[in-house]
Amino acid sequence: AKKWPATGGVVDLRDEARRARLMAITPVG
């Protein structure tokens, strides 16, 4: 929500497909 302004500051990760896409591009740190 903070990294991508296009989200409007709110992100819902209850959807498995959406969180899989985010996890793929997010550093483990």
PDB file of all heavy atoms in Angstrom:
ATOM      1  N   ALA A   1       0.829  -1.210   0.000  1.00  0.00           N
ATOM      2  CA  ALA A   1       0.000   0.000   0.000  1.00  0.00           C
ATOM      3  C   ALA A   1       0.860   1.255   0.000  1.00  0.00           C
ATOM      4  O   ALA A   1       0.491   2.272  -0.594  1.00  0.00           O
ATOM      5  CB  ALA A   1      -0.935  -0.012   1.201  1.00  0.00           C
ATOM      6  N   LYS A   2       2.003   1.196   0.659  1.00  0.00           N
ATOM      7  CA  LYS A   2       2.893   2.352   0.711  1.00  0.00           C
ATOM      8  C   LYS A   2       3.796   2.440  -0.516  1.00  0.00           C
ATOM      9  O   LYS A   2       4.119   3.541  -0.974  1.00  0.00           O
ATOM     10  CB  LYS A   2       3.750   2.295   1.980  1.00  0.00           C
ATOM     11  CG  LYS A   2       2.980   2.566   3.259  1.00  0.00           C
ATOM     12  CD  LYS A   2       3.909   2.653   4.440  1.00  0.00           C
ATOM     13  CE  LYS A   2       3.205   3.114   5.680  1.00  0.00           C
ATOM     14  NZ  LYS A   2       4.110   3.276   6.840  1.00  0.00           N
ATOM     15  N   LYS A   3       4.198   1.316  -1.033  1.00  0.00           N
ATOM     16  CA  LYS A   3       5.164   1.300  -2.131  1.00  0.00           C
ATOM     17  C   LYS A   3       4.542   1.735  -3.460  1.00  0.00           C
ATOM     18  O   LYS A   3       5.176   2.424  -4.248  1.00  0.00           O
ATOM     19  CB  LYS A   3       5.788  -0.093  -2.281  1.00  0.00           C
ATOM     20  CG  LYS A   3       6.900  -0.155  -3.333  1.00  0.00           C
ATOM     21  CD  LYS A   3       7.599  -1.484  -3.304  1.00  0.00           C
ATOM     22  CE  LYS A   3       8.704  -1.542  -4.371  1.00  0.00           C
ATOM     23  NZ  LYS A   3       9.784  -0.534  -4.106  1.00  0.00           N
ATOM     24  N   TRP A   4       3.299   1.352  -3.685  1.00  0.00           N
ATOM     25  CA  TRP A   4       2.662   1.655  -4.964  1.00  0.00           C
ATOM     26  C   TRP A   4       1.481   2.603  -4.768  1.00  0.00           C
ATOM     27  O   TRP A   4       0.391   2.192  -4.319  1.00  0.00           O
ATOM     28  CB  TRP A   4       2.206   0.368  -5.650  1.00  0.00           C
ATOM     29  CG  TRP A   4       3.365  -0.449  -6.142  1.00  0.00           C
ATOM     30  CD1 TRP A   4       4.161  -0.160  -7.226  1.00  0.00           C
ATOM     31  CD2 TRP A   4       3.880  -1.658  -5.578  1.00  0.00           C
ATOM     32  NE1 TRP A   4       5.136  -1.130  -7.361  1.00  0.00           N
ATOM     33  CE2 TRP A   4       4.995  -2.065  -6.377  1.00  0.00           C
ATOM     34  CE3 TRP A   4       3.513  -2.452  -4.495  1.00  0.00           C
ATOM     35  CZ2 TRP A   4       5.736  -3.203  -6.105  1.00  0.00           C
ATOM     36  CZ3 TRP A   4       4.259  -3.581  -4.225  1.00  0.00           C
ATOM     37  CH2 TRP A   4       5.352  -3.955  -5.029  1.00  0.00           C
ATOM     38  N   PRO A   5       1.651   3.891  -5.107  1.00  0.00           N
ATOM     39  CA  PRO A   5       0.586   4.877  -4.923  1.00  0.00           C
ATOM     40  C   PRO A   5      -0.710   4.544  -5.651  1.00  0.00           C
ATOM     41  O   PRO A   5      -1.793   4.969  -5.233  1.00  0.00           O
ATOM     42  CB  PRO A   5       1.212   6.170  -5.487  1.00  0.00           C
ATOM     43  CG  PRO A   5       2.694   5.948  -5.390  1.00  0.00           C
ATOM     44  CD  PRO A   5       2.891   4.485  -5.615  1.00  0.00           C
ATOM     45  N   ALA A   6      -0.602   3.760  -6.728  1.00  0.00           N
ATOM     46  CA  ALA A   6      -1.792   3.407  -7.498  1.00  0.00           C
ATOM     47  C   ALA A   6      -2.801   2.607  -6.687  1.00  0.00           C
ATOM     48  O   ALA A   6      -3.979   2.532  -7.049  1.00  0.00           O
ATOM     49  CB  ALA A   6      -1.404   2.617  -8.750  1.00  0.00           C
ATOM     50  N   THR A   7      -2.350   2.019  -5.574  1.00  0.00           N
ATOM     51  CA  THR A   7      -3.257   1.258  -4.711  1.00  0.00           C
ATOM     52  C   THR A   7      -4.196   2.161  -3.925  1.00  0.00           C
ATOM     53  O   THR A   7      -5.163   1.678  -3.321  1.00  0.00           O
ATOM     54  CB  THR A   7      -2.475   0.395  -3.728  1.00  0.00           C
ATOM     55  OG1 THR A   7      -1.701   1.250  -2.854  1.00  0.00           O
ATOM     56  CG2 THR A   7      -1.540  -0.568  -4.469  1.00  0.00           C
ATOM     57  N   GLY A   8      -3.920   3.460  -3.912  1.00  0.00           N
ATOM     58  CA  GLY A   8      -4.724   4.373  -3.094  1.00  0.00           C
ATOM     59  C   GLY A   8      -4.486   4.211  -1.614  1.00  0.00           C
ATOM     60  O   GLY A   8      -5.286   4.658  -0.786  1.00  0.00           O
ATOM     61  N   GLY A   9      -3.379   3.574  -1.262  1.00  0.00           N
ATOM     62  CA  GLY A   9      -3.023   3.406   0.143  1.00  0.00           C
ATOM     63  C   GLY A   9      -3.720   2.276   0.855  1.00  0.00           C
ATOM     64  O   GLY A   9      -3.584   2.135   2.080  1.00  0.00           O
ATOM     65  N   VAL A  10      -4.468   1.419   0.108  1.00  0.00           N
ATOM     66  CA  VAL A  10      -5.166   0.283   0.716  1.00  0.00           C
ATOM     67  C   VAL A  10      -4.949  -0.956  -0.149  1.00  0.00           C
ATOM     68  O   VAL A  10      -5.198  -0.920  -1.364  1.00  0.00           O
ATOM     69  CB  VAL A  10      -6.679   0.539   0.855  1.00  0.00           C
ATOM     70  CG1 VAL A  10      -7.365  -0.660   1.517  1.00  0.00           C
ATOM     71  CG2 VAL A  10      -6.941   1.805   1.655  1.00  0.00           C
ATOM     72  N   VAL A  11      -4.475  -2.044   0.455  1.00  0.00           N
ATOM     73  CA  VAL A  11      -4.261  -3.302  -0.261  1.00  0.00           C
ATOM     74  C   VAL A  11      -4.874  -4.440   0.548  1.00  0.00           C
ATOM     75  O   VAL A  11      -4.624  -4.561   1.744  1.00  0.00           O
ATOM     76  CB  VAL A  11      -2.766  -3.574  -0.508  1.00  0.00           C
ATOM     77  CG1 VAL A  11      -2.551  -4.979  -1.053  1.00  0.00           C
ATOM     78  CG2 VAL A  11      -2.190  -2.542  -1.474  1.00  0.00           C
ATOM     79  N   ASP A  12      -5.654  -5.276  -0.126  1.00  0.00           N
ATOM     80  CA  ASP A  12      -6.289  -6.449   0.478  1.00  0.00           C
ATOM     81  C   ASP A  12      -5.653  -7.704  -0.102  1.00  0.00           C
ATOM     82  O   ASP A  12      -5.734  -7.953  -1.313  1.00  0.00           O
ATOM     83  CB  ASP A  12      -7.797  -6.434   0.188  1.00  0.00           C
ATOM     84  CG  ASP A  12      -8.552  -7.550   0.904  1.00  0.00           C
ATOM     85  OD1 ASP A  12      -7.910  -8.462   1.469  1.00  0.00           O
ATOM     86  OD2 ASP A  12      -9.809  -7.512   0.895  1.00  0.00           O
ATOM     87  N   LEU A  13      -5.000  -8.505   0.753  1.00  0.00           N
ATOM     88  CA  LEU A  13      -4.309  -9.710   0.306  1.00  0.00           C
ATOM     89  C   LEU A  13      -5.029 -10.988   0.701  1.00  0.00           C
ATOM     90  O   LEU A  13      -4.417 -12.048   0.826  1.00  0.00           O
ATOM     91  CB  LEU A  13      -2.878  -9.745   0.867  1.00  0.00           C
ATOM     92  CG  LEU A  13      -1.863  -8.791   0.225  1.00  0.00           C
ATOM     93  CD1 LEU A  13      -0.470  -9.050   0.800  1.00  0.00           C
ATOM     94  CD2 LEU A  13      -1.831  -8.936  -1.282  1.00  0.00           C
ATOM     95  N   ARG A  14      -6.334 -10.932   0.853  1.00  0.00           N
ATOM     96  CA  ARG A  14      -7.059 -12.164   1.160  1.00  0.00           C
ATOM     97  C   ARG A  14      -7.168 -13.071  -0.060  1.00  0.00           C
ATOM     98  O   ARG A  14      -7.366 -14.278   0.082  1.00  0.00           O
ATOM     99  CB  ARG A  14      -8.451 -11.829   1.706  1.00  0.00           C
ATOM    100  CG  ARG A  14      -8.436 -11.228   3.110  1.00  0.00           C
ATOM    101  CD  ARG A  14      -9.831 -10.836   3.559  1.00  0.00           C
ATOM    102  NE  ARG A  14     -10.414  -9.828   2.691  1.00  0.00           N
ATOM    103  CZ  ARG A  14     -11.702  -9.577   2.591  1.00  0.00           C
ATOM    104  NH1 ARG A  14     -12.568 -10.271   3.287  1.00  0.00           N
ATOM    105  NH2 ARG A  14     -12.144  -8.626   1.758  1.00  0.00           N
ATOM    106  N   ASP A  15      -7.053 -12.514  -1.235  1.00  0.00           N
ATOM    107  CA  ASP A  15      -7.102 -13.309  -2.460  1.00  0.00           C
ATOM    108  C   ASP A  15      -5.745 -13.964  -2.710  1.00  0.00           C
ATOM    109  O   ASP A  15      -4.722 -13.292  -2.811  1.00  0.00           O
ATOM    110  CB  ASP A  15      -7.483 -12.418  -3.653  1.00  0.00           C
ATOM    111  CG  ASP A  15      -7.537 -13.191  -4.955  1.00  0.00           C
ATOM    112  OD1 ASP A  15      -8.508 -13.952  -5.153  1.00  0.00           O
ATOM    113  OD2 ASP A  15      -6.604 -13.035  -5.770  1.00  0.00           O
ATOM    114  N   GLU A  16      -5.720 -15.291  -2.823  1.00  0.00           N
ATOM    115  CA  GLU A  16      -4.472 -16.035  -2.958  1.00  0.00           C
ATOM    116  C   GLU A  16      -3.722 -15.667  -4.222  1.00  0.00           C
ATOM    117  O   GLU A  16      -2.492 -15.562  -4.220  1.00  0.00           O
ATOM    118  CB  GLU A  16      -4.750 -17.537  -2.925  1.00  0.00           C
ATOM    119  CG  GLU A  16      -5.212 -18.057  -1.560  1.00  0.00           C
ATOM    120  CD  GLU A  16      -5.295 -19.570  -1.518  1.00  0.00           C
ATOM    121  OE1 GLU A  16      -4.570 -20.217  -2.310  1.00  0.00           O
ATOM    122  OE2 GLU A  16      -6.051 -20.111  -0.704  1.00  0.00           O
ATOM    123  N   ALA A  17      -4.419 -15.482  -5.331  1.00  0.00           N
ATOM    124  CA  ALA A  17      -3.756 -15.147  -6.591  1.00  0.00           C
ATOM    125  C   ALA A  17      -3.068 -13.785  -6.489  1.00  0.00           C
ATOM    126  O   ALA A  17      -1.941 -13.605  -6.980  1.00  0.00           O
ATOM    127  CB  ALA A  17      -4.765 -15.161  -7.735  1.00  0.00           C
ATOM    128  N   ARG A  18      -3.723 -12.838  -5.863  1.00  0.00           N
ATOM    129  CA  ARG A  18      -3.142 -11.502  -5.723  1.00  0.00           C
ATOM    130  C   ARG A  18      -1.894 -11.529  -4.847  1.00  0.00           C
ATOM    131  O   ARG A  18      -0.888 -10.901  -5.172  1.00  0.00           O
ATOM    132  CB  ARG A  18      -4.168 -10.533  -5.156  1.00  0.00           C
ATOM    133  CG  ARG A  18      -3.709  -9.084  -5.208  1.00  0.00           C
ATOM    134  CD  ARG A  18      -4.717  -8.125  -4.613  1.00  0.00           C
ATOM    135  NE  ARG A  18      -4.385  -6.748  -4.969  1.00  0.00           N
ATOM    136  CZ  ARG A  18      -4.918  -5.681  -4.412  1.00  0.00           C
ATOM    137  NH1 ARG A  18      -5.859  -5.820  -3.469  1.00  0.00           N
ATOM    138  NH2 ARG A  18      -4.558  -4.464  -4.785  1.00  0.00           N
ATOM    139  N   ARG A  19      -1.968 -12.243  -3.739  1.00  0.00           N
ATOM    140  CA  ARG A  19      -0.782 -12.263  -2.881  1.00  0.00           C
ATOM    141  C   ARG A  19       0.353 -13.073  -3.501  1.00  0.00           C
ATOM    142  O   ARG A  19       1.508 -12.762  -3.263  1.00  0.00           O
ATOM    143  CB  ARG A  19      -1.122 -12.768  -1.487  1.00  0.00           C
ATOM    144  CG  ARG A  19      -1.630 -14.078  -1.265  1.00  0.00           C
ATOM    145  CD  ARG A  19      -1.802 -14.327   0.241  1.00  0.00           C
ATOM    146  NE  ARG A  19      -2.252 -15.636   0.581  1.00  0.00           N
ATOM    147  CZ  ARG A  19      -3.455 -15.930   1.062  1.00  0.00           C
ATOM    148  NH1 ARG A  19      -4.343 -14.984   1.243  1.00  0.00           N
ATOM    149  NH2 ARG A  19      -3.790 -17.166   1.360  1.00  0.00           N
ATOM    150  N   ALA A  20       0.045 -14.043  -4.365  1.00  0.00           N
ATOM    151  CA  ALA A  20       1.102 -14.771  -5.061  1.00  0.00           C
ATOM    152  C   ALA A  20       1.861 -13.827  -5.996  1.00  0.00           C
ATOM    153  O   ALA A  20       3.092 -13.894  -6.093  1.00  0.00           O
ATOM    154  CB  ALA A  20       0.517 -15.949  -5.827  1.00  0.00           C
ATOM    155  N   ARG A  21       1.139 -12.943  -6.686  1.00  0.00           N
ATOM    156  CA  ARG A  21       1.786 -11.983  -7.582  1.00  0.00           C
ATOM    157  C   ARG A  21       2.677 -11.018  -6.803  1.00  0.00           C
ATOM    158  O   ARG A  21       3.775 -10.684  -7.239  1.00  0.00           O
ATOM    159  CB  ARG A  21       0.726 -11.216  -8.368  1.00  0.00           C
ATOM    160  CG  ARG A  21      -0.022 -12.044  -9.399  1.00  0.00           C
ATOM    161  CD  ARG A  21      -0.818 -11.176 -10.369  1.00  0.00           C
ATOM    162  NE  ARG A  21      -1.860 -10.410  -9.694  1.00  0.00           N
ATOM    163  CZ  ARG A  21      -3.104 -10.856  -9.502  1.00  0.00           C
ATOM    164  NH1 ARG A  21      -3.450 -12.079  -9.928  1.00  0.00           N
ATOM    165  NH2 ARG A  21      -4.002 -10.096  -8.895  1.00  0.00           N
ATOM    166  N   LEU A  22       2.186 -10.575  -5.644  1.00  0.00           N
ATOM    167  CA  LEU A  22       2.972  -9.658  -4.823  1.00  0.00           C
ATOM    168  C   LEU A  22       4.206 -10.343  -4.257  1.00  0.00           C
ATOM    169  O   LEU A  22       5.302  -9.778  -4.254  1.00  0.00           O
ATOM    170  CB  LEU A  22       2.113  -9.099  -3.693  1.00  0.00           C
ATOM    171  CG  LEU A  22       2.827  -8.185  -2.689  1.00  0.00           C
ATOM    172  CD1 LEU A  22       3.391  -6.950  -3.376  1.00  0.00           C
ATOM    173  CD2 LEU A  22       1.880  -7.785  -1.547  1.00  0.00           C
ATOM    174  N   MET A  23       4.044 -11.573  -3.779  1.00  0.00           N
ATOM    175  CA  MET A  23       5.159 -12.301  -3.192  1.00  0.00           C
ATOM    176  C   MET A  23       6.282 -12.525  -4.196  1.00  0.00           C
ATOM    177  O   MET A  23       7.456 -12.528  -3.843  1.00  0.00           O
ATOM    178  CB  MET A  23       4.681 -13.637  -2.633  1.00  0.00           C
ATOM    179  CG  MET A  23       3.818 -13.513  -1.381  1.00  0.00           C
ATOM    180  SD  MET A  23       3.248 -15.142  -0.807  1.00  0.00           S
ATOM    181  CE  MET A  23       2.268 -14.677   0.625  1.00  0.00           C
ATOM    182  N   ALA A  24       5.922 -12.704  -5.456  1.00  0.00           N
ATOM    183  CA  ALA A  24       6.925 -12.972  -6.482  1.00  0.00           C
ATOM    184  C   ALA A  24       7.847 -11.784  -6.736  1.00  0.00           C
ATOM    185  O   ALA A  24       8.985 -11.960  -7.164  1.00  0.00           O
ATOM    186  CB  ALA A  24       6.237 -13.391  -7.781  1.00  0.00           C
ATOM    187  N   ILE A  25       7.375 -10.561  -6.452  1.00  0.00           N
ATOM    188  CA  ILE A  25       8.170  -9.361  -6.740  1.00  0.00           C
ATOM    189  C   ILE A  25       8.641  -8.647  -5.479  1.00  0.00           C
ATOM    190  O   ILE A  25       9.239  -7.567  -5.567  1.00  0.00           O
ATOM    191  CB  ILE A  25       7.376  -8.372  -7.625  1.00  0.00           C
ATOM    192  CG1 ILE A  25       6.095  -7.918  -6.918  1.00  0.00           C
ATOM    193  CG2 ILE A  25       7.051  -9.006  -8.980  1.00  0.00           C
ATOM    194  CD1 ILE A  25       5.331  -6.833  -7.664  1.00  0.00           C
ATOM    195  N   THR A  26       8.408  -9.254  -4.320  1.00  0.00           N
ATOM    196  CA  THR A  26       8.801  -8.623  -3.064  1.00  0.00           C
ATOM    197  C   THR A  26      10.037  -9.301  -2.496  1.00  0.00           C
ATOM    198  O   THR A  26      10.048 -10.522  -2.304  1.00  0.00           O
ATOM    199  CB  THR A  26       7.658  -8.686  -2.030  1.00  0.00           C
ATOM    200  OG1 THR A  26       6.489  -8.068  -2.570  1.00  0.00           O
ATOM    201  CG2 THR A  26       8.066  -7.966  -0.747  1.00  0.00           C
ATOM    202  N   PRO A  27      11.120  -8.551  -2.204  1.00  0.00           N
ATOM    203  CA  PRO A  27      12.330  -9.142  -1.622  1.00  0.00           C
ATOM    204  C   PRO A  27      12.039  -9.798  -0.280  1.00  0.00           C
ATOM    205  O   PRO A  27      11.204  -9.315   0.494  1.00  0.00           O
ATOM    206  CB  PRO A  27      13.268  -7.942  -1.464  1.00  0.00           C
ATOM    207  CG  PRO A  27      12.747  -6.903  -2.402  1.00  0.00           C
ATOM    208  CD  PRO A  27      11.265  -7.102  -2.459  1.00  0.00           C
ATOM    209  N   VAL A  28      12.723 -10.876   0.005  1.00  0.00           N
ATOM    210  CA  VAL A  28      12.486 -11.630   1.231  1.00  0.00           C
ATOM    211  C   VAL A  28      12.759 -10.771   2.466  1.00  0.00           C
ATOM    212  O   VAL A  28      12.152 -10.975   3.531  1.00  0.00           O
ATOM    213  CB  VAL A  28      13.338 -12.923   1.247  1.00  0.00           C
ATOM    214  CG1 VAL A  28      14.833 -12.599   1.410  1.00  0.00           C
ATOM    215  CG2 VAL A  28      12.868 -13.890   2.313  1.00  0.00           C
ATOM    216  N   GLY A  29      13.656  -9.786   2.361  1.00  0.00           N
ATOM    217  CA  GLY A  29      13.973  -8.931   3.495  1.00  0.00           C
ATOM    218  C   GLY A  29      12.853  -8.012   3.928  1.00  0.00           C
ATOM    219  O   GLY A  29      12.927  -7.396   4.997  1.00  0.00           O
TER     220      GLY A  29
END
